[in-house]
Amino acid sequence: MVTTEMVVAREGARRAALIAGDREAMAEILADRLIWTHANGRVDTKESYLPSVSVSAFRVIDPIAQNIALLGSAAVVKSEFAMTIHPPGKEPVALRTFALGVWALGDDEVLRLTHFQSGIMG
């Protein structure tokens, strides 16, 4: 059974891994069947997404709002974030984004992110 505390902890670990560019931590957080849809519409699998983590441009990912729907062995998380990204060779950019994430317990009873979709708020 998934709890709110489990989801909050895993979301925090996901944000920390992105900011740190920690590919190993993200590999443990993401489900093998991951579908990650970026704000620009590009879609990644776990295999295609992980190489980008080590060159992450994320500097700040602060949650503004988070709504968690518990569904037994899964959870859906609707979030809003204040972010700062700093792409190599460019100026830092502040963004306000939203995201929808689906977390599910695997056969090993570990909560992993199976689906993620984000967008930029205007």
N, C-alpha and C. Protein backbone atom coordinates (compact mmCIF):
# COMPACT_ATOMS: atom_id res chain seq x y z
N MET A 1 0.84 -1.19 0.00
CA MET A 1 0.00 0.00 0.00
C MET A 1 0.89 1.25 0.00
N VAL A 2 0.64 2.13 -0.94
CA VAL A 2 1.39 3.39 -1.04
C VAL A 2 0.82 4.40 -0.05
N THR A 3 1.70 5.14 0.60
CA THR A 3 1.28 6.19 1.53
C THR A 3 1.73 7.54 1.01
N THR A 4 1.10 8.59 1.52
CA THR A 4 1.48 9.95 1.17
C THR A 4 2.95 10.20 1.51
N GLU A 5 3.38 9.71 2.66
CA GLU A 5 4.77 9.91 3.09
C GLU A 5 5.76 9.28 2.12
N MET A 6 5.42 8.10 1.60
CA MET A 6 6.28 7.43 0.62
C MET A 6 6.42 8.29 -0.64
N VAL A 7 5.30 8.80 -1.11
CA VAL A 7 5.31 9.59 -2.35
C VAL A 7 6.09 10.89 -2.15
N VAL A 8 5.86 11.57 -1.05
CA VAL A 8 6.57 12.82 -0.77
C VAL A 8 8.08 12.57 -0.71
N ALA A 9 8.49 11.48 -0.09
CA ALA A 9 9.92 11.15 0.01
C ALA A 9 10.51 10.86 -1.37
N ARG A 10 9.80 10.10 -2.18
CA ARG A 10 10.30 9.75 -3.52
C ARG A 10 10.34 10.98 -4.44
N GLU A 11 9.34 11.85 -4.33
CA GLU A 11 9.35 13.09 -5.11
C GLU A 11 10.55 13.95 -4.72
N GLY A 12 10.82 14.02 -3.43
CA GLY A 12 11.98 14.78 -2.96
C GLY A 12 13.29 14.19 -3.47
N ALA A 13 13.37 12.87 -3.45
CA ALA A 13 14.57 12.19 -3.96
C ALA A 13 14.73 12.42 -5.46
N ARG A 14 13.62 12.45 -6.19
CA ARG A 14 13.67 12.70 -7.64
C ARG A 14 14.22 14.09 -7.92
N ARG A 15 13.70 15.09 -7.22
CA ARG A 15 14.16 16.47 -7.41
C ARG A 15 15.64 16.59 -7.04
N ALA A 16 16.05 16.00 -5.94
CA ALA A 16 17.45 16.07 -5.50
C ALA A 16 18.38 15.41 -6.52
N ALA A 17 17.97 14.28 -7.06
CA ALA A 17 18.80 13.59 -8.05
C ALA A 17 18.94 14.43 -9.33
N LEU A 18 17.86 15.09 -9.74
CA LEU A 18 17.93 15.95 -10.94
C LEU A 18 18.88 17.12 -10.72
N ILE A 19 18.78 17.77 -9.57
CA ILE A 19 19.63 18.93 -9.27
C ILE A 19 21.10 18.50 -9.18
N ALA A 20 21.35 17.33 -8.56
CA ALA A 20 22.72 16.84 -8.40
C ALA A 20 23.27 16.20 -9.67
N GLY A 21 22.40 15.94 -10.64
CA GLY A 21 22.85 15.23 -11.83
C GLY A 21 23.24 13.80 -11.51
N ASP A 22 22.57 13.20 -10.53
CA ASP A 22 22.89 11.87 -10.02
C ASP A 22 22.17 10.79 -10.83
N ARG A 23 22.84 10.30 -11.83
CA ARG A 23 22.25 9.31 -12.73
C ARG A 23 21.93 8.00 -12.01
N GLU A 24 22.80 7.58 -11.10
CA GLU A 24 22.57 6.33 -10.37
C GLU A 24 21.32 6.41 -9.50
N ALA A 25 21.16 7.54 -8.82
CA ALA A 25 19.97 7.71 -7.98
C ALA A 25 18.71 7.72 -8.84
N MET A 26 18.76 8.41 -9.98
CA MET A 26 17.58 8.44 -10.87
C MET A 26 17.28 7.06 -11.42
N ALA A 27 18.30 6.28 -11.72
CA ALA A 27 18.08 4.93 -12.24
C ALA A 27 17.30 4.08 -11.24
N GLU A 28 17.52 4.31 -9.95
CA GLU A 28 16.81 3.56 -8.92
C GLU A 28 15.39 4.08 -8.73
N ILE A 29 15.18 5.36 -8.99
CA ILE A 29 13.87 5.99 -8.80
C ILE A 29 12.91 5.67 -9.96
N LEU A 30 13.44 5.56 -11.17
CA LEU A 30 12.62 5.37 -12.36
C LEU A 30 12.31 3.90 -12.61
N ALA A 31 11.07 3.62 -12.98
CA ALA A 31 10.68 2.26 -13.35
C ALA A 31 11.26 1.93 -14.72
N ASP A 32 11.51 0.66 -14.95
CA ASP A 32 12.04 0.23 -16.24
C ASP A 32 11.09 0.57 -17.38
N ARG A 33 9.79 0.62 -17.09
CA ARG A 33 8.79 0.91 -18.12
C ARG A 33 8.44 2.41 -18.23
N LEU A 34 9.32 3.27 -17.70
CA LEU A 34 9.08 4.71 -17.66
C LEU A 34 8.72 5.29 -19.03
N ILE A 35 7.75 6.21 -18.99
CA ILE A 35 7.46 7.09 -20.12
C ILE A 35 7.54 8.51 -19.57
N TRP A 36 8.50 9.30 -20.07
CA TRP A 36 8.74 10.67 -19.59
C TRP A 36 8.46 11.61 -20.75
N THR A 37 7.41 12.41 -20.62
CA THR A 37 7.05 13.37 -21.67
C THR A 37 7.46 14.76 -21.21
N HIS A 38 8.36 15.36 -21.97
CA HIS A 38 8.90 16.68 -21.64
C HIS A 38 7.92 17.77 -22.04
N ALA A 39 8.15 18.97 -21.50
CA ALA A 39 7.28 20.12 -21.80
C ALA A 39 7.27 20.46 -23.29
N ASN A 40 8.34 20.11 -24.00
CA ASN A 40 8.40 20.40 -25.44
C ASN A 40 7.78 19.28 -26.29
N GLY A 41 7.24 18.26 -25.63
CA GLY A 41 6.59 17.16 -26.33
C GLY A 41 7.47 15.95 -26.60
N ARG A 42 8.76 16.08 -26.40
CA ARG A 42 9.66 14.94 -26.60
C ARG A 42 9.36 13.86 -25.57
N VAL A 43 9.43 12.62 -25.99
CA VAL A 43 9.13 11.48 -25.11
C VAL A 43 10.39 10.63 -24.94
N ASP A 44 10.67 10.27 -23.69
CA ASP A 44 11.81 9.42 -23.38
C ASP A 44 11.36 8.16 -22.65
N THR A 45 12.17 7.13 -22.79
CA THR A 45 12.07 5.93 -21.96
C THR A 45 13.12 6.08 -20.86
N LYS A 46 13.18 5.16 -19.95
CA LYS A 46 14.22 5.21 -18.93
C LYS A 46 15.59 5.19 -19.58
N GLU A 47 15.77 4.31 -20.54
CA GLU A 47 17.06 4.16 -21.21
C GLU A 47 17.48 5.45 -21.93
N SER A 48 16.55 6.10 -22.59
CA SER A 48 16.91 7.31 -23.33
C SER A 48 16.98 8.56 -22.43
N TYR A 49 16.31 8.52 -21.28
CA TYR A 49 16.30 9.68 -20.38
C TYR A 49 17.54 9.76 -19.50
N LEU A 50 18.01 8.63 -18.99
CA LEU A 50 19.09 8.63 -18.00
C LEU A 50 20.36 9.37 -18.43
N PRO A 51 20.83 9.26 -19.67
CA PRO A 51 22.05 10.00 -20.02
C PRO A 51 21.93 11.51 -19.83
N SER A 52 20.73 12.05 -19.95
CA SER A 52 20.56 13.50 -19.79
C SER A 52 20.66 13.94 -18.34
N VAL A 53 20.49 13.03 -17.40
CA VAL A 53 20.50 13.39 -15.98
C VAL A 53 21.88 13.88 -15.56
N SER A 54 22.94 13.25 -16.05
CA SER A 54 24.29 13.62 -15.62
C SER A 54 24.74 14.98 -16.16
N VAL A 55 24.03 15.51 -17.14
CA VAL A 55 24.34 16.85 -17.66
C VAL A 55 23.18 17.80 -17.36
N SER A 56 22.54 17.56 -16.25
CA SER A 56 21.35 18.31 -15.87
C SER A 56 21.62 19.79 -15.74
N ALA A 57 20.68 20.59 -16.21
CA ALA A 57 20.76 22.05 -16.10
C ALA A 57 19.92 22.56 -14.92
N PHE A 58 19.28 21.64 -14.19
CA PHE A 58 18.43 22.06 -13.07
C PHE A 58 19.27 22.59 -11.92
N ARG A 59 18.91 23.75 -11.42
CA ARG A 59 19.59 24.33 -10.25
C ARG A 59 18.65 24.42 -9.06
N VAL A 60 17.38 24.69 -9.31
CA VAL A 60 16.37 24.80 -8.25
C VAL A 60 15.09 24.15 -8.77
N ILE A 61 14.48 23.31 -7.93
CA ILE A 61 13.16 22.75 -8.22
C ILE A 61 12.38 22.81 -6.91
N ASP A 62 11.64 23.89 -6.71
CA ASP A 62 10.88 24.08 -5.47
C ASP A 62 9.41 23.80 -5.71
N PRO A 63 8.84 22.85 -4.96
CA PRO A 63 7.41 22.60 -5.11
C PRO A 63 6.59 23.77 -4.56
N ILE A 64 5.61 24.21 -5.34
CA ILE A 64 4.69 25.25 -4.91
C ILE A 64 3.41 24.62 -4.40
N ALA A 65 2.95 23.60 -5.12
CA ALA A 65 1.72 22.89 -4.75
C ALA A 65 1.87 21.44 -5.17
N GLN A 66 1.22 20.57 -4.40
CA GLN A 66 1.28 19.14 -4.72
C GLN A 66 -0.01 18.48 -4.26
N ASN A 67 -0.63 17.76 -5.19
CA ASN A 67 -1.86 17.04 -4.89
C ASN A 67 -1.59 15.58 -5.17
N ILE A 68 -1.74 14.74 -4.15
CA ILE A 68 -1.43 13.32 -4.27
C ILE A 68 -2.71 12.50 -4.15
N ALA A 69 -2.98 11.68 -5.17
CA ALA A 69 -4.12 10.76 -5.13
C ALA A 69 -3.57 9.36 -4.94
N LEU A 70 -3.89 8.75 -3.81
CA LEU A 70 -3.44 7.39 -3.52
C LEU A 70 -4.39 6.38 -4.14
N LEU A 71 -3.83 5.36 -4.80
CA LEU A 71 -4.63 4.37 -5.51
C LEU A 71 -4.18 2.96 -5.16
N GLY A 72 -4.06 2.67 -3.90
CA GLY A 72 -3.62 1.34 -3.47
C GLY A 72 -2.13 1.17 -3.65
N SER A 73 -1.73 0.45 -4.71
CA SER A 73 -0.30 0.21 -4.95
C SER A 73 0.30 1.25 -5.90
N ALA A 74 -0.42 2.35 -6.11
CA ALA A 74 0.06 3.41 -6.99
C ALA A 74 -0.41 4.77 -6.47
N ALA A 75 0.14 5.82 -7.05
CA ALA A 75 -0.27 7.18 -6.71
C ALA A 75 -0.09 8.07 -7.93
N VAL A 76 -0.97 9.05 -8.06
CA VAL A 76 -0.86 10.07 -9.10
C VAL A 76 -0.57 11.38 -8.39
N VAL A 77 0.44 12.09 -8.87
CA VAL A 77 0.88 13.33 -8.24
C VAL A 77 0.78 14.46 -9.24
N LYS A 78 -0.02 15.47 -8.91
CA LYS A 78 -0.12 16.69 -9.71
C LYS A 78 0.65 17.76 -8.94
N SER A 79 1.67 18.33 -9.59
CA SER A 79 2.55 19.28 -8.91
C SER A 79 2.73 20.55 -9.72
N GLU A 80 3.10 21.59 -8.98
CA GLU A 80 3.49 22.86 -9.58
C GLU A 80 4.84 23.23 -8.96
N PHE A 81 5.78 23.70 -9.80
CA PHE A 81 7.13 23.98 -9.32
C PHE A 81 7.60 25.35 -9.77
N ALA A 82 8.45 25.96 -8.93
CA ALA A 82 9.25 27.12 -9.32
C ALA A 82 10.64 26.54 -9.57
N MET A 83 11.14 26.75 -10.78
CA MET A 83 12.41 26.13 -11.15
C MET A 83 13.38 27.17 -11.69
N THR A 84 14.66 26.85 -11.54
CA THR A 84 15.71 27.59 -12.22
C THR A 84 16.56 26.58 -12.96
N ILE A 85 16.72 26.80 -14.25
CA ILE A 85 17.61 25.96 -15.04
C ILE A 85 18.74 26.82 -15.57
N HIS A 86 19.90 26.21 -15.74
CA HIS A 86 21.06 26.92 -16.25
C HIS A 86 21.73 26.06 -17.31
N PRO A 87 21.22 26.13 -18.53
CA PRO A 87 21.81 25.36 -19.61
C PRO A 87 23.25 25.80 -19.87
N PRO A 88 24.13 24.86 -20.21
CA PRO A 88 25.53 25.22 -20.48
C PRO A 88 25.63 26.32 -21.54
N GLY A 89 26.44 27.34 -21.22
CA GLY A 89 26.67 28.42 -22.17
C GLY A 89 25.56 29.45 -22.28
N LYS A 90 24.54 29.32 -21.42
CA LYS A 90 23.42 30.25 -21.47
C LYS A 90 23.19 30.85 -20.10
N GLU A 91 22.35 31.87 -20.06
CA GLU A 91 21.98 32.50 -18.79
C GLU A 91 20.96 31.62 -18.06
N PRO A 92 20.96 31.66 -16.72
CA PRO A 92 19.94 30.93 -15.97
C PRO A 92 18.53 31.43 -16.32
N VAL A 93 17.56 30.53 -16.27
CA VAL A 93 16.18 30.86 -16.60
C VAL A 93 15.29 30.39 -15.46
N ALA A 94 14.42 31.28 -14.98
CA ALA A 94 13.43 30.93 -13.97
C ALA A 94 12.14 30.53 -14.68
N LEU A 95 11.55 29.43 -14.26
CA LEU A 95 10.33 28.92 -14.86
C LEU A 95 9.33 28.54 -13.80
N ARG A 96 8.09 28.54 -14.19
CA ARG A 96 7.04 27.97 -13.35
C ARG A 96 6.47 26.83 -14.18
N THR A 97 6.49 25.63 -13.64
CA THR A 97 6.08 24.44 -14.39
C THR A 97 5.03 23.65 -13.62
N PHE A 98 4.38 22.77 -14.35
CA PHE A 98 3.46 21.82 -13.72
C PHE A 98 3.85 20.44 -14.19
N ALA A 99 3.46 19.44 -13.43
CA ALA A 99 3.80 18.07 -13.79
C ALA A 99 2.75 17.11 -13.27
N LEU A 100 2.64 16.00 -13.96
CA LEU A 100 1.78 14.90 -13.54
C LEU A 100 2.67 13.66 -13.51
N GLY A 101 2.76 13.03 -12.37
CA GLY A 101 3.59 11.84 -12.23
C GLY A 101 2.77 10.67 -11.71
N VAL A 102 3.11 9.48 -12.18
CA VAL A 102 2.48 8.26 -11.69
C VAL A 102 3.56 7.40 -11.05
N TRP A 103 3.35 7.06 -9.80
CA TRP A 103 4.25 6.22 -9.03
C TRP A 103 3.56 4.89 -8.78
N ALA A 104 4.31 3.79 -8.85
CA ALA A 104 3.73 2.47 -8.61
C ALA A 104 4.74 1.58 -7.90
N LEU A 105 4.21 0.71 -7.04
CA LEU A 105 5.05 -0.29 -6.39
C LEU A 105 5.40 -1.37 -7.40
N GLY A 106 6.68 -1.72 -7.44
CA GLY A 106 7.12 -2.81 -8.30
C GLY A 106 6.97 -4.15 -7.60
N ASP A 107 7.37 -5.20 -8.28
CA ASP A 107 7.32 -6.54 -7.68
C ASP A 107 8.20 -6.62 -6.43
N ASP A 108 9.20 -5.75 -6.35
CA ASP A 108 10.10 -5.71 -5.20
C ASP A 108 9.57 -4.80 -4.09
N GLU A 109 8.35 -4.27 -4.27
CA GLU A 109 7.69 -3.39 -3.29
C GLU A 109 8.38 -2.03 -3.14
N VAL A 110 9.16 -1.64 -4.14
CA VAL A 110 9.79 -0.32 -4.15
C VAL A 110 8.96 0.61 -5.03
N LEU A 111 8.69 1.81 -4.53
CA LEU A 111 7.91 2.80 -5.27
C LEU A 111 8.79 3.45 -6.32
N ARG A 112 8.35 3.37 -7.59
CA ARG A 112 9.12 3.95 -8.69
C ARG A 112 8.21 4.77 -9.60
N LEU A 113 8.81 5.75 -10.25
CA LEU A 113 8.09 6.62 -11.18
C LEU A 113 7.90 5.89 -12.50
N THR A 114 6.64 5.73 -12.93
CA THR A 114 6.36 5.01 -14.18
C THR A 114 6.01 5.95 -15.33
N HIS A 115 5.42 7.09 -15.01
CA HIS A 115 5.02 8.06 -16.04
C HIS A 115 5.24 9.47 -15.48
N PHE A 116 5.69 10.37 -16.37
CA PHE A 116 5.89 11.75 -15.97
C PHE A 116 5.61 12.63 -17.17
N GLN A 117 4.86 13.70 -16.95
CA GLN A 117 4.59 14.65 -18.01
C GLN A 117 4.64 16.05 -17.41
N SER A 118 5.35 16.95 -18.09
CA SER A 118 5.48 18.31 -17.56
C SER A 118 5.09 19.34 -18.61
N GLY A 119 4.88 20.54 -18.13
CA GLY A 119 4.56 21.67 -19.00
C GLY A 119 5.01 22.96 -18.35
N ILE A 120 5.16 23.97 -19.17
CA ILE A 120 5.58 25.29 -18.66
C ILE A 120 4.34 26.17 -18.57
N MET A 121 4.20 26.82 -17.42
CA MET A 121 3.06 27.71 -17.22
C MET A 121 3.39 29.08 -17.82
N GLY A 122 2.42 29.67 -18.47
CA GLY A 122 2.62 30.94 -19.17
C GLY A 122 2.71 32.12 -18.35
